[in-house]
Amino acid sequence: MLRHILTAVLAGSLIGLIAPHPVAAQDEGKEHPYEAPPPPRLTWSFAGPFGKFDQAQLQRGFKIYKEVCSLCHGLSMLSFRNLSQPGGLGYTDAQVKQLASEFTVQDGPNDQGEMFDRKGRPADRFPSPFPNDNAARARYNAVPPDFSVIAKARTYERGFPWFILDGLTQYQEQGADYIAAYLSGFEDKPPPSVHLPSGVQFNKYMPGGGTSMPKPVQIYDKLVQYDDGTPASVEQYSKDIAAFLMWAAEPQLEARKRIGFQVMVFLIVLAGLLYFTKRKVWSNVHGHA
C-alpha cells in the first residue's frame, strides 16, 4: 500500500514535469509574472561532439523508469530490443528478453476475434500504462505524456551570445538540464512576492513558477534502490532519469556523432584536394591585360 501511495505522488510530480500549461505564479499586482531562471548547466558524459552515454547511468535511469515512471508514462517510440543496441544500455539479448517478459502487452485479435494479454517480447514497443486517454484522466485528471522524446521537447532560451557558442560546442543538453533541475527544484516556500493558489507547488525552474504536482520529496529511496553502490539522493536520481530520457529521445546519438565527425573529416580532405587540383590545373594559365 505504501508503495502505491508513494508511486502515485511521484507520478503526479512527473506529470507536472511535462504539463503543457504550467500554473502561473504572479505578484499581487499581477503585472510581473514569475520568470524562472535557466536551469544550471550540468556535466554530462554525452555532451560535446565526442560525448558518449554512461552505460551505468543509463541502467540506473532505466531502473527508475521501470519501477516508477512506467506506471504512468509510456515509451511508445522505443522497442525493448533498443536496450541492447550499440551506444545504449549495454544489455545482452538474454537480459532484454527477460526485461521484456516483465511487461504485459496487448495482442490480437485471436481466432475468436478477441484481444488478449501476453508477456512482452524484444520486438514489442514499450506498452502504454493506460488503455486510453480517458482512463488516464479518470485516475490523474490529466493525461501523462509519453516520455519517448521528452528530453528533446524541453528546451529554454539562453540568449545572445550563448546561442552562438552553443552551436559551436554542439550544446544540446537543454532538455536533460531542465528535467534534472525540475525534479530537484521544488521549494517549500515561494518568494514573498509570489502568491500561489491552493494546492499548487512552487518550482523555481518551472515556467510561471507554479505546478499542480506534489513535491517529490524523499520518496525515490523508498521505491528505487541502486545495485551498483551509487549514493542515493534526489539530485542523483534526477540526473540518472534525465540521462536515460535523453538516450530514449535519441538512441542513435553516438552513431550520429561518429558519422558526423567522419563526414567533416571527409569534407575537409575533399576541400584540400579540390584546392590543390585547381592550383595544378590552372598553374600555367596567365591572365590577360
C-alpha atoms as a PDB file:
ATOM      1  CA  MET A   1       0.000   0.000   0.000  1.00  0.00           C
ATOM      2  CA  LEU A   2       2.812   2.425   0.894  1.00  0.00           C
ATOM      3  CA  ARG A   3       4.495   1.706  -2.433  1.00  0.00           C
ATOM      4  CA  HIS A   4       1.335   2.532  -4.392  1.00  0.00           C
ATOM      5  CA  ILE A   5       0.815   5.787  -2.474  1.00  0.00           C
ATOM      6  CA  LEU A   6       4.384   6.927  -2.983  1.00  0.00           C
ATOM      7  CA  THR A   7       4.286   5.906  -6.618  1.00  0.00           C
ATOM      8  CA  ALA A   8       1.137   7.955  -7.183  1.00  0.00           C
ATOM      9  CA  VAL A   9       2.770  11.007  -5.598  1.00  0.00           C
ATOM     10  CA  LEU A  10       5.873  10.657  -7.747  1.00  0.00           C
ATOM     11  CA  ALA A  11       3.756  10.057 -10.820  1.00  0.00           C
ATOM     12  CA  GLY A  12       1.985  13.315 -10.141  1.00  0.00           C
ATOM     13  CA  SER A  13       5.293  15.141  -9.964  1.00  0.00           C
ATOM     14  CA  LEU A  14       6.403  13.667 -13.280  1.00  0.00           C
ATOM     15  CA  ILE A  15       3.142  14.685 -14.904  1.00  0.00           C
ATOM     16  CA  GLY A  16       3.987  18.215 -13.846  1.00  0.00           C
ATOM     17  CA  LEU A  17       7.362  17.921 -15.498  1.00  0.00           C
ATOM     18  CA  ILE A  18       5.784  17.849 -18.896  1.00  0.00           C
ATOM     19  CA  ALA A  19       2.437  19.558 -18.249  1.00  0.00           C
ATOM     20  CA  PRO A  20       1.738  21.819 -21.257  1.00  0.00           C
ATOM     21  CA  HIS A  21       0.030  24.526 -19.186  1.00  0.00           C
ATOM     22  CA  PRO A  22       2.010  25.406 -16.041  1.00  0.00           C
ATOM     23  CA  VAL A  23       0.254  27.379 -13.324  1.00  0.00           C
ATOM     24  CA  ALA A  24       1.418  30.987 -13.425  1.00  0.00           C
ATOM     25  CA  ALA A  25       2.700  32.437 -10.180  1.00  0.00           C
ATOM     26  CA  GLN A  26       2.424  36.234 -10.079  1.00  0.00           C
ATOM     27  CA  ASP A  27       2.842  39.045  -7.611  1.00  0.00           C
ATOM     28  CA  GLU A  28      -0.090  40.815  -6.019  1.00  0.00           C
ATOM     29  CA  GLY A  29      -0.409  43.342  -8.827  1.00  0.00           C
ATOM     30  CA  LYS A  30      -0.375  40.582 -11.428  1.00  0.00           C
ATOM     31  CA  GLU A  31       1.821  42.758 -13.595  1.00  0.00           C
ATOM     32  CA  HIS A  32       5.088  40.836 -13.495  1.00  0.00           C
ATOM     33  CA  PRO A  33       4.763  37.075 -13.861  1.00  0.00           C
ATOM     34  CA  TYR A  34       7.453  34.973 -12.256  1.00  0.00           C
ATOM     35  CA  GLU A  35      10.398  34.382 -14.564  1.00  0.00           C
ATOM     36  CA  ALA A  36      12.080  31.066 -13.946  1.00  0.00           C
ATOM     37  CA  PRO A  37      15.874  31.121 -14.054  1.00  0.00           C
ATOM     38  CA  PRO A  38      17.578  28.954 -16.649  1.00  0.00           C
ATOM     39  CA  PRO A  39      18.446  25.510 -15.267  1.00  0.00           C
ATOM     40  CA  PRO A  40      22.069  25.121 -14.242  1.00  0.00           C
ATOM     41  CA  ARG A  41      24.216  23.634 -16.934  1.00  0.00           C
ATOM     42  CA  LEU A  42      25.268  20.199 -15.723  1.00  0.00           C
ATOM     43  CA  THR A  43      28.120  17.967 -16.779  1.00  0.00           C
ATOM     44  CA  TRP A  44      27.012  15.029 -18.933  1.00  0.00           C
ATOM     45  CA  SER A  45      29.068  12.223 -20.371  1.00  0.00           C
ATOM     46  CA  PHE A  46      27.209  12.553 -23.691  1.00  0.00           C
ATOM     47  CA  ALA A  47      27.937  16.272 -24.094  1.00  0.00           C
ATOM     48  CA  GLY A  48      30.082  17.670 -26.882  1.00  0.00           C
ATOM     49  CA  PRO A  49      30.918  16.335 -30.333  1.00  0.00           C
ATOM     50  CA  PHE A  50      32.662  13.243 -28.936  1.00  0.00           C
ATOM     51  CA  GLY A  51      30.449  12.542 -25.909  1.00  0.00           C
ATOM     52  CA  LYS A  52      29.134   9.069 -25.144  1.00  0.00           C
ATOM     53  CA  PHE A  53      26.464   7.751 -22.842  1.00  0.00           C
ATOM     54  CA  ASP A  54      27.464   6.325 -19.484  1.00  0.00           C
ATOM     55  CA  GLN A  55      26.006   2.792 -19.572  1.00  0.00           C
ATOM     56  CA  ALA A  56      25.864   2.514 -15.774  1.00  0.00           C
ATOM     57  CA  GLN A  57      23.938   5.792 -15.558  1.00  0.00           C
ATOM     58  CA  LEU A  58      21.538   4.716 -18.292  1.00  0.00           C
ATOM     59  CA  GLN A  59      20.863   1.457 -16.470  1.00  0.00           C
ATOM     60  CA  ARG A  60      20.162   3.344 -13.244  1.00  0.00           C
ATOM     61  CA  GLY A  61      17.827   5.698 -15.098  1.00  0.00           C
ATOM     62  CA  PHE A  62      16.030   2.791 -16.730  1.00  0.00           C
ATOM     63  CA  LYS A  63      15.591   1.187 -13.314  1.00  0.00           C
ATOM     64  CA  ILE A  64      13.810   4.356 -12.136  1.00  0.00           C
ATOM     65  CA  TYR A  65      11.643   4.412 -15.252  1.00  0.00           C
ATOM     66  CA  LYS A  66      10.763   0.729 -14.990  1.00  0.00           C
ATOM     67  CA  GLU A  67       9.926   0.761 -11.285  1.00  0.00           C
ATOM     68  CA  VAL A  68       8.251   4.174 -11.060  1.00  0.00           C
ATOM     69  CA  CYS A  69       7.667   6.115 -14.270  1.00  0.00           C
ATOM     70  CA  SER A  70       6.306   3.229 -16.339  1.00  0.00           C
ATOM     71  CA  LEU A  71       3.242   3.122 -14.095  1.00  0.00           C
ATOM     72  CA  CYS A  72       2.095   6.384 -15.698  1.00  0.00           C
ATOM     73  CA  HIS A  73       4.275   7.122 -18.721  1.00  0.00           C
ATOM     74  CA  GLY A  74       4.947   5.095 -21.832  1.00  0.00           C
ATOM     75  CA  LEU A  75       7.888   4.964 -24.239  1.00  0.00           C
ATOM     76  CA  SER A  76       5.809   4.205 -27.299  1.00  0.00           C
ATOM     77  CA  MET A  77       8.544   5.041 -29.793  1.00  0.00           C
ATOM     78  CA  LEU A  78      11.020   2.575 -28.315  1.00  0.00           C
ATOM     79  CA  SER A  79      11.147  -1.198 -28.551  1.00  0.00           C
ATOM     80  CA  PHE A  80      12.602  -3.427 -25.863  1.00  0.00           C
ATOM     81  CA  ARG A  81      15.323  -4.538 -28.266  1.00  0.00           C
ATOM     82  CA  ASN A  82      16.642  -0.952 -28.367  1.00  0.00           C
ATOM     83  CA  LEU A  83      18.006  -1.615 -24.874  1.00  0.00           C
ATOM     84  CA  SER A  84      20.674  -3.915 -26.326  1.00  0.00           C
ATOM     85  CA  GLN A  85      21.675  -1.854 -29.345  1.00  0.00           C
ATOM     86  CA  PRO A  86      25.191  -0.334 -29.597  1.00  0.00           C
ATOM     87  CA  GLY A  87      25.565   3.018 -27.893  1.00  0.00           C
ATOM     88  CA  GLY A  88      22.846   2.225 -25.373  1.00  0.00           C
ATOM     89  CA  LEU A  89      22.410   0.498 -22.044  1.00  0.00           C
ATOM     90  CA  GLY A  90      24.709  -2.405 -22.825  1.00  0.00           C
ATOM     91  CA  TYR A  91      22.216  -5.158 -22.051  1.00  0.00           C
ATOM     92  CA  THR A  92      22.594  -8.548 -23.682  1.00  0.00           C
ATOM     93  CA  ASP A  93      19.853 -10.096 -25.802  1.00  0.00           C
ATOM     94  CA  ALA A  94      19.075 -12.524 -22.989  1.00  0.00           C
ATOM     95  CA  GLN A  95      18.697  -9.668 -20.499  1.00  0.00           C
ATOM     96  CA  VAL A  96      16.405  -7.775 -22.867  1.00  0.00           C
ATOM     97  CA  LYS A  97      14.268 -10.871 -23.342  1.00  0.00           C
ATOM     98  CA  GLN A  98      13.926 -11.194 -19.577  1.00  0.00           C
ATOM     99  CA  LEU A  99      13.123  -7.488 -19.131  1.00  0.00           C
ATOM    100  CA  ALA A 100      10.519  -7.563 -21.897  1.00  0.00           C
ATOM    101  CA  SER A 101       8.784 -10.550 -20.281  1.00  0.00           C
ATOM    102  CA  GLU A 102       8.195  -8.449 -17.150  1.00  0.00           C
ATOM    103  CA  PHE A 103       5.840  -6.189 -19.114  1.00  0.00           C
ATOM    104  CA  THR A 104       2.335  -7.101 -20.251  1.00  0.00           C
ATOM    105  CA  VAL A 105       1.497  -6.382 -23.897  1.00  0.00           C
ATOM    106  CA  GLN A 106      -1.921  -6.484 -25.528  1.00  0.00           C
ATOM    107  CA  ASP A 107      -2.059  -8.590 -28.682  1.00  0.00           C
ATOM    108  CA  GLY A 108      -4.660  -9.987 -31.002  1.00  0.00           C
ATOM    109  CA  PRO A 109      -7.194 -10.483 -32.203  1.00  0.00           C
ATOM    110  CA  ASN A 110      -7.125 -14.239 -31.704  1.00  0.00           C
ATOM    111  CA  ASP A 111      -9.156 -16.812 -33.619  1.00  0.00           C
ATOM    112  CA  GLN A 112     -12.243 -15.740 -31.682  1.00  0.00           C
ATOM    113  CA  GLY A 113     -11.701 -12.112 -32.627  1.00  0.00           C
ATOM    114  CA  GLU A 114     -10.740 -11.044 -29.102  1.00  0.00           C
ATOM    115  CA  MET A 115      -7.735  -9.113 -27.840  1.00  0.00           C
ATOM    116  CA  PHE A 116      -5.587 -10.797 -25.218  1.00  0.00           C
ATOM    117  CA  ASP A 117      -2.646 -10.033 -22.960  1.00  0.00           C
ATOM    118  CA  ARG A 118       0.729 -11.734 -23.129  1.00  0.00           C
ATOM    119  CA  LYS A 119       4.266 -11.254 -21.898  1.00  0.00           C
ATOM    120  CA  GLY A 120       6.368  -8.769 -23.797  1.00  0.00           C
ATOM    121  CA  ARG A 121       8.923  -9.757 -26.400  1.00  0.00           C
ATOM    122  CA  PRO A 122      12.085  -7.910 -27.513  1.00  0.00           C
ATOM    123  CA  ALA A 123      10.386  -6.774 -30.742  1.00  0.00           C
ATOM    124  CA  ASP A 124       7.466  -5.183 -28.852  1.00  0.00           C
ATOM    125  CA  ARG A 125       7.295  -1.493 -28.116  1.00  0.00           C
ATOM    126  CA  PHE A 126       7.018  -0.317 -24.526  1.00  0.00           C
ATOM    127  CA  PRO A 127       3.323  -0.542 -23.673  1.00  0.00           C
ATOM    128  CA  SER A 128       1.214   2.369 -22.529  1.00  0.00           C
ATOM    129  CA  PRO A 129       0.197   2.149 -18.861  1.00  0.00           C
ATOM    130  CA  PHE A 130      -3.377   3.127 -19.747  1.00  0.00           C
ATOM    131  CA  PRO A 131      -5.734   1.617 -22.334  1.00  0.00           C
ATOM    132  CA  ASN A 132      -6.806   5.099 -23.459  1.00  0.00           C
ATOM    133  CA  ASP A 133      -6.631   8.784 -22.513  1.00  0.00           C
ATOM    134  CA  ASN A 134      -9.948   8.755 -20.683  1.00  0.00           C
ATOM    135  CA  ALA A 135      -8.664   6.077 -18.330  1.00  0.00           C
ATOM    136  CA  ALA A 136      -5.659   8.280 -17.544  1.00  0.00           C
ATOM    137  CA  ARG A 137      -7.855  11.331 -16.913  1.00  0.00           C
ATOM    138  CA  ALA A 138     -10.097   9.330 -14.621  1.00  0.00           C
ATOM    139  CA  ARG A 139      -7.128   8.492 -12.423  1.00  0.00           C
ATOM    140  CA  TYR A 140      -4.973  11.630 -12.504  1.00  0.00           C
ATOM    141  CA  ASN A 141      -7.248  14.255 -14.010  1.00  0.00           C
ATOM    142  CA  ALA A 142      -4.587  14.557 -16.729  1.00  0.00           C
ATOM    143  CA  VAL A 143      -3.032  12.503 -19.485  1.00  0.00           C
ATOM    144  CA  PRO A 144       0.566  11.662 -18.585  1.00  0.00           C
ATOM    145  CA  PRO A 145       2.540  12.366 -21.766  1.00  0.00           C
ATOM    146  CA  ASP A 146       4.712   9.813 -23.439  1.00  0.00           C
ATOM    147  CA  PHE A 147       8.372  10.001 -22.441  1.00  0.00           C
ATOM    148  CA  SER A 148       9.864   8.951 -25.780  1.00  0.00           C
ATOM    149  CA  VAL A 149      11.141  12.388 -26.848  1.00  0.00           C
ATOM    150  CA  ILE A 150      10.533  14.491 -23.740  1.00  0.00           C
ATOM    151  CA  ALA A 151      14.247  15.311 -23.385  1.00  0.00           C
ATOM    152  CA  LYS A 152      14.228  16.805 -26.887  1.00  0.00           C
ATOM    153  CA  ALA A 153      10.891  18.562 -26.426  1.00  0.00           C
ATOM    154  CA  ARG A 154      12.058  20.583 -23.422  1.00  0.00           C
ATOM    155  CA  THR A 155      14.428  23.483 -24.013  1.00  0.00           C
ATOM    156  CA  TYR A 156      14.932  27.088 -22.991  1.00  0.00           C
ATOM    157  CA  GLU A 157      16.413  30.281 -24.386  1.00  0.00           C
ATOM    158  CA  ARG A 158      19.964  31.192 -23.379  1.00  0.00           C
ATOM    159  CA  GLY A 159      20.130  34.446 -25.300  1.00  0.00           C
ATOM    160  CA  PHE A 160      22.994  36.188 -27.072  1.00  0.00           C
ATOM    161  CA  PRO A 161      25.852  35.309 -27.347  1.00  0.00           C
ATOM    162  CA  TRP A 162      25.272  31.906 -25.786  1.00  0.00           C
ATOM    163  CA  PHE A 163      23.205  30.518 -28.644  1.00  0.00           C
ATOM    164  CA  ILE A 164      26.159  31.116 -30.971  1.00  0.00           C
ATOM    165  CA  LEU A 165      28.560  29.343 -28.621  1.00  0.00           C
ATOM    166  CA  ASP A 166      26.024  26.529 -28.184  1.00  0.00           C
ATOM    167  CA  GLY A 167      26.076  25.966 -31.931  1.00  0.00           C
ATOM    168  CA  LEU A 168      29.854  25.790 -31.981  1.00  0.00           C
ATOM    169  CA  THR A 169      30.074  23.447 -28.978  1.00  0.00           C
ATOM    170  CA  GLN A 170      27.034  21.418 -30.092  1.00  0.00           C
ATOM    171  CA  TYR A 171      25.282  22.054 -26.801  1.00  0.00           C
ATOM    172  CA  GLN A 172      22.102  20.008 -26.933  1.00  0.00           C
ATOM    173  CA  GLU A 173      21.576  19.108 -23.294  1.00  0.00           C
ATOM    174  CA  GLN A 174      18.907  21.727 -22.554  1.00  0.00           C
ATOM    175  CA  GLY A 175      16.236  19.062 -22.080  1.00  0.00           C
ATOM    176  CA  ALA A 176      18.343  16.930 -19.753  1.00  0.00           C
ATOM    177  CA  ASP A 177      19.377  20.012 -17.761  1.00  0.00           C
ATOM    178  CA  TYR A 178      15.752  21.088 -17.430  1.00  0.00           C
ATOM    179  CA  ILE A 179      14.469  17.671 -16.350  1.00  0.00           C
ATOM    180  CA  ALA A 180      17.172  17.278 -13.711  1.00  0.00           C
ATOM    181  CA  ALA A 181      16.607  20.828 -12.457  1.00  0.00           C
ATOM    182  CA  TYR A 182      12.844  20.451 -12.325  1.00  0.00           C
ATOM    183  CA  LEU A 183      12.940  17.267 -10.272  1.00  0.00           C
ATOM    184  CA  SER A 184      15.216  18.882  -7.712  1.00  0.00           C
ATOM    185  CA  GLY A 185      13.776  22.405  -7.951  1.00  0.00           C
ATOM    186  CA  PHE A 186      10.806  22.151  -5.597  1.00  0.00           C
ATOM    187  CA  GLU A 187      10.892  24.566  -2.656  1.00  0.00           C
ATOM    188  CA  ASP A 188       8.737  24.656   0.446  1.00  0.00           C
ATOM    189  CA  LYS A 189       8.008  28.365   0.183  1.00  0.00           C
ATOM    190  CA  PRO A 190       7.825  30.613  -2.884  1.00  0.00           C
ATOM    191  CA  PRO A 191       9.409  34.090  -2.885  1.00  0.00           C
ATOM    192  CA  PRO A 192       7.496  36.610  -0.719  1.00  0.00           C
ATOM    193  CA  SER A 193       6.114  38.437  -3.761  1.00  0.00           C
ATOM    194  CA  VAL A 194       4.753  35.247  -5.349  1.00  0.00           C
ATOM    195  CA  HIS A 195       1.297  34.007  -4.387  1.00  0.00           C
ATOM    196  CA  LEU A 196       0.165  30.555  -5.440  1.00  0.00           C
ATOM    197  CA  PRO A 197      -3.364  29.131  -5.492  1.00  0.00           C
ATOM    198  CA  SER A 198      -4.201  26.425  -3.013  1.00  0.00           C
ATOM    199  CA  GLY A 199      -2.787  23.046  -3.942  1.00  0.00           C
ATOM    200  CA  VAL A 200      -0.107  24.482  -6.240  1.00  0.00           C
ATOM    201  CA  GLN A 201       3.552  23.789  -5.533  1.00  0.00           C
ATOM    202  CA  PHE A 202       6.389  26.194  -6.233  1.00  0.00           C
ATOM    203  CA  ASN A 203       9.178  25.013  -8.507  1.00  0.00           C
ATOM    204  CA  LYS A 204      11.785  27.643  -9.254  1.00  0.00           C
ATOM    205  CA  TYR A 205      12.598  26.158 -12.671  1.00  0.00           C
ATOM    206  CA  MET A 206       9.019  25.728 -13.851  1.00  0.00           C
ATOM    207  CA  PRO A 207       7.872  28.383 -16.343  1.00  0.00           C
ATOM    208  CA  GLY A 208       5.492  30.552 -14.343  1.00  0.00           C
ATOM    209  CA  GLY A 209       6.786  29.142 -11.054  1.00  0.00           C
ATOM    210  CA  GLY A 210       3.692  27.151 -10.141  1.00  0.00           C
ATOM    211  CA  THR A 211       2.980  23.483 -10.749  1.00  0.00           C
ATOM    212  CA  SER A 212      -0.003  21.482  -9.565  1.00  0.00           C
ATOM    213  CA  MET A 213       2.106  18.379  -8.976  1.00  0.00           C
ATOM    214  CA  PRO A 214       3.185  17.320  -5.487  1.00  0.00           C
ATOM    215  CA  LYS A 215       6.743  17.777  -4.362  1.00  0.00           C
ATOM    216  CA  PRO A 216       8.773  14.610  -4.977  1.00  0.00           C
ATOM    217  CA  VAL A 217      10.447  14.975  -1.533  1.00  0.00           C
ATOM    218  CA  GLN A 218      12.491  11.981  -0.408  1.00  0.00           C
ATOM    219  CA  ILE A 219      10.380   9.217  -1.912  1.00  0.00           C
ATOM    220  CA  TYR A 220      12.757   7.885  -4.515  1.00  0.00           C
ATOM    221  CA  ASP A 221      14.799   5.994  -1.955  1.00  0.00           C
ATOM    222  CA  LYS A 222      11.646   4.257  -0.740  1.00  0.00           C
ATOM    223  CA  LEU A 223      10.958   2.904  -4.216  1.00  0.00           C
ATOM    224  CA  VAL A 224      14.293   2.538  -6.002  1.00  0.00           C
ATOM    225  CA  GLN A 225      17.480   1.034  -4.626  1.00  0.00           C
ATOM    226  CA  TYR A 226      20.635   1.166  -6.731  1.00  0.00           C
ATOM    227  CA  ASP A 227      22.550  -2.079  -7.143  1.00  0.00           C
ATOM    228  CA  ASP A 228      25.941  -0.570  -8.017  1.00  0.00           C
ATOM    229  CA  GLY A 229      26.557   1.316  -4.791  1.00  0.00           C
ATOM    230  CA  THR A 230      25.861   4.770  -6.249  1.00  0.00           C
ATOM    231  CA  PRO A 231      24.939   7.188  -3.425  1.00  0.00           C
ATOM    232  CA  ALA A 232      21.189   7.736  -3.289  1.00  0.00           C
ATOM    233  CA  SER A 233      19.943  11.318  -3.411  1.00  0.00           C
ATOM    234  CA  VAL A 234      17.248  13.289  -5.195  1.00  0.00           C
ATOM    235  CA  GLU A 235      19.943  15.008  -7.262  1.00  0.00           C
ATOM    236  CA  GLN A 236      21.461  11.675  -8.323  1.00  0.00           C
ATOM    237  CA  TYR A 237      18.097  10.145  -9.206  1.00  0.00           C
ATOM    238  CA  SER A 238      17.187  13.274 -11.165  1.00  0.00           C
ATOM    239  CA  LYS A 239      20.383  13.165 -13.228  1.00  0.00           C
ATOM    240  CA  ASP A 240      20.071   9.445 -13.910  1.00  0.00           C
ATOM    241  CA  ILE A 241      16.474   9.573 -15.143  1.00  0.00           C
ATOM    242  CA  ALA A 242      17.294  12.689 -17.210  1.00  0.00           C
ATOM    243  CA  ALA A 243      20.210  10.876 -18.867  1.00  0.00           C
ATOM    244  CA  PHE A 244      18.023   7.863 -19.640  1.00  0.00           C
ATOM    245  CA  LEU A 245      15.322  10.077 -21.164  1.00  0.00           C
ATOM    246  CA  MET A 246      17.996  11.776 -23.264  1.00  0.00           C
ATOM    247  CA  TRP A 247      19.003   8.366 -24.601  1.00  0.00           C
ATOM    248  CA  ALA A 248      15.347   7.445 -25.161  1.00  0.00           C
ATOM    249  CA  ALA A 249      14.899  10.615 -27.231  1.00  0.00           C
ATOM    250  CA  GLU A 250      17.939   9.842 -29.378  1.00  0.00           C
ATOM    251  CA  PRO A 251      19.215   6.248 -29.120  1.00  0.00           C
ATOM    252  CA  GLN A 252      21.457   6.821 -32.155  1.00  0.00           C
ATOM    253  CA  LEU A 253      23.241   9.820 -30.650  1.00  0.00           C
ATOM    254  CA  GLU A 254      26.673   8.169 -30.542  1.00  0.00           C
ATOM    255  CA  ALA A 255      26.362   6.865 -34.097  1.00  0.00           C
ATOM    256  CA  ARG A 256      25.251  10.300 -35.312  1.00  0.00           C
ATOM    257  CA  LYS A 257      28.263  11.969 -33.715  1.00  0.00           C
ATOM    258  CA  ARG A 258      30.657   9.365 -35.093  1.00  0.00           C
ATOM    259  CA  ILE A 259      29.280   9.642 -38.629  1.00  0.00           C
ATOM    260  CA  GLY A 260      29.189  13.425 -38.384  1.00  0.00           C
ATOM    261  CA  PHE A 261      32.873  13.520 -37.450  1.00  0.00           C
ATOM    262  CA  GLN A 262      33.756  11.191 -40.322  1.00  0.00           C
ATOM    263  CA  VAL A 263      31.794  13.357 -42.751  1.00  0.00           C
ATOM    264  CA  MET A 264      33.561  16.509 -41.561  1.00  0.00           C
ATOM    265  CA  VAL A 265      36.974  14.876 -41.986  1.00  0.00           C
ATOM    266  CA  PHE A 266      35.972  13.728 -45.474  1.00  0.00           C
ATOM    267  CA  LEU A 267      34.794  17.213 -46.461  1.00  0.00           C
ATOM    268  CA  ILE A 268      37.997  18.815 -45.184  1.00  0.00           C
ATOM    269  CA  VAL A 269      40.148  16.348 -47.127  1.00  0.00           C
ATOM    270  CA  LEU A 270      37.963  16.802 -50.218  1.00  0.00           C
ATOM    271  CA  ALA A 271      38.233  20.583 -49.974  1.00  0.00           C
ATOM    272  CA  GLY A 272      42.018  20.301 -49.781  1.00  0.00           C
ATOM    273  CA  LEU A 273      42.170  18.002 -52.796  1.00  0.00           C
ATOM    274  CA  LEU A 274      39.943  20.318 -54.822  1.00  0.00           C
ATOM    275  CA  TYR A 275      42.072  23.295 -53.900  1.00  0.00           C
ATOM    276  CA  PHE A 276      45.342  21.691 -54.945  1.00  0.00           C
ATOM    277  CA  THR A 277      43.712  20.254 -58.077  1.00  0.00           C
ATOM    278  CA  LYS A 278      42.585  23.736 -59.043  1.00  0.00           C
ATOM    279  CA  ARG A 279      46.104  25.085 -58.450  1.00  0.00           C
ATOM    280  CA  LYS A 280      47.578  22.318 -60.606  1.00  0.00           C
ATOM    281  CA  VAL A 281      45.098  22.691 -63.487  1.00  0.00           C
ATOM    282  CA  TRP A 282      45.330  26.489 -63.672  1.00  0.00           C
ATOM    283  CA  SER A 283      49.010  26.860 -62.793  1.00  0.00           C
ATOM    284  CA  ASN A 284      50.088  27.531 -66.410  1.00  0.00           C
ATOM    285  CA  VAL A 285      47.255  29.881 -67.309  1.00  0.00           C
ATOM    286  CA  HIS A 286      48.284  33.535 -67.290  1.00  0.00           C
ATOM    287  CA  GLY A 287      45.934  36.423 -67.040  1.00  0.00           C
ATOM    288  CA  HIS A 288      45.485  38.861 -69.943  1.00  0.00           C
ATOM    289  CA  ALA A 289      45.508  42.593 -69.652  1.00  0.00           C
END
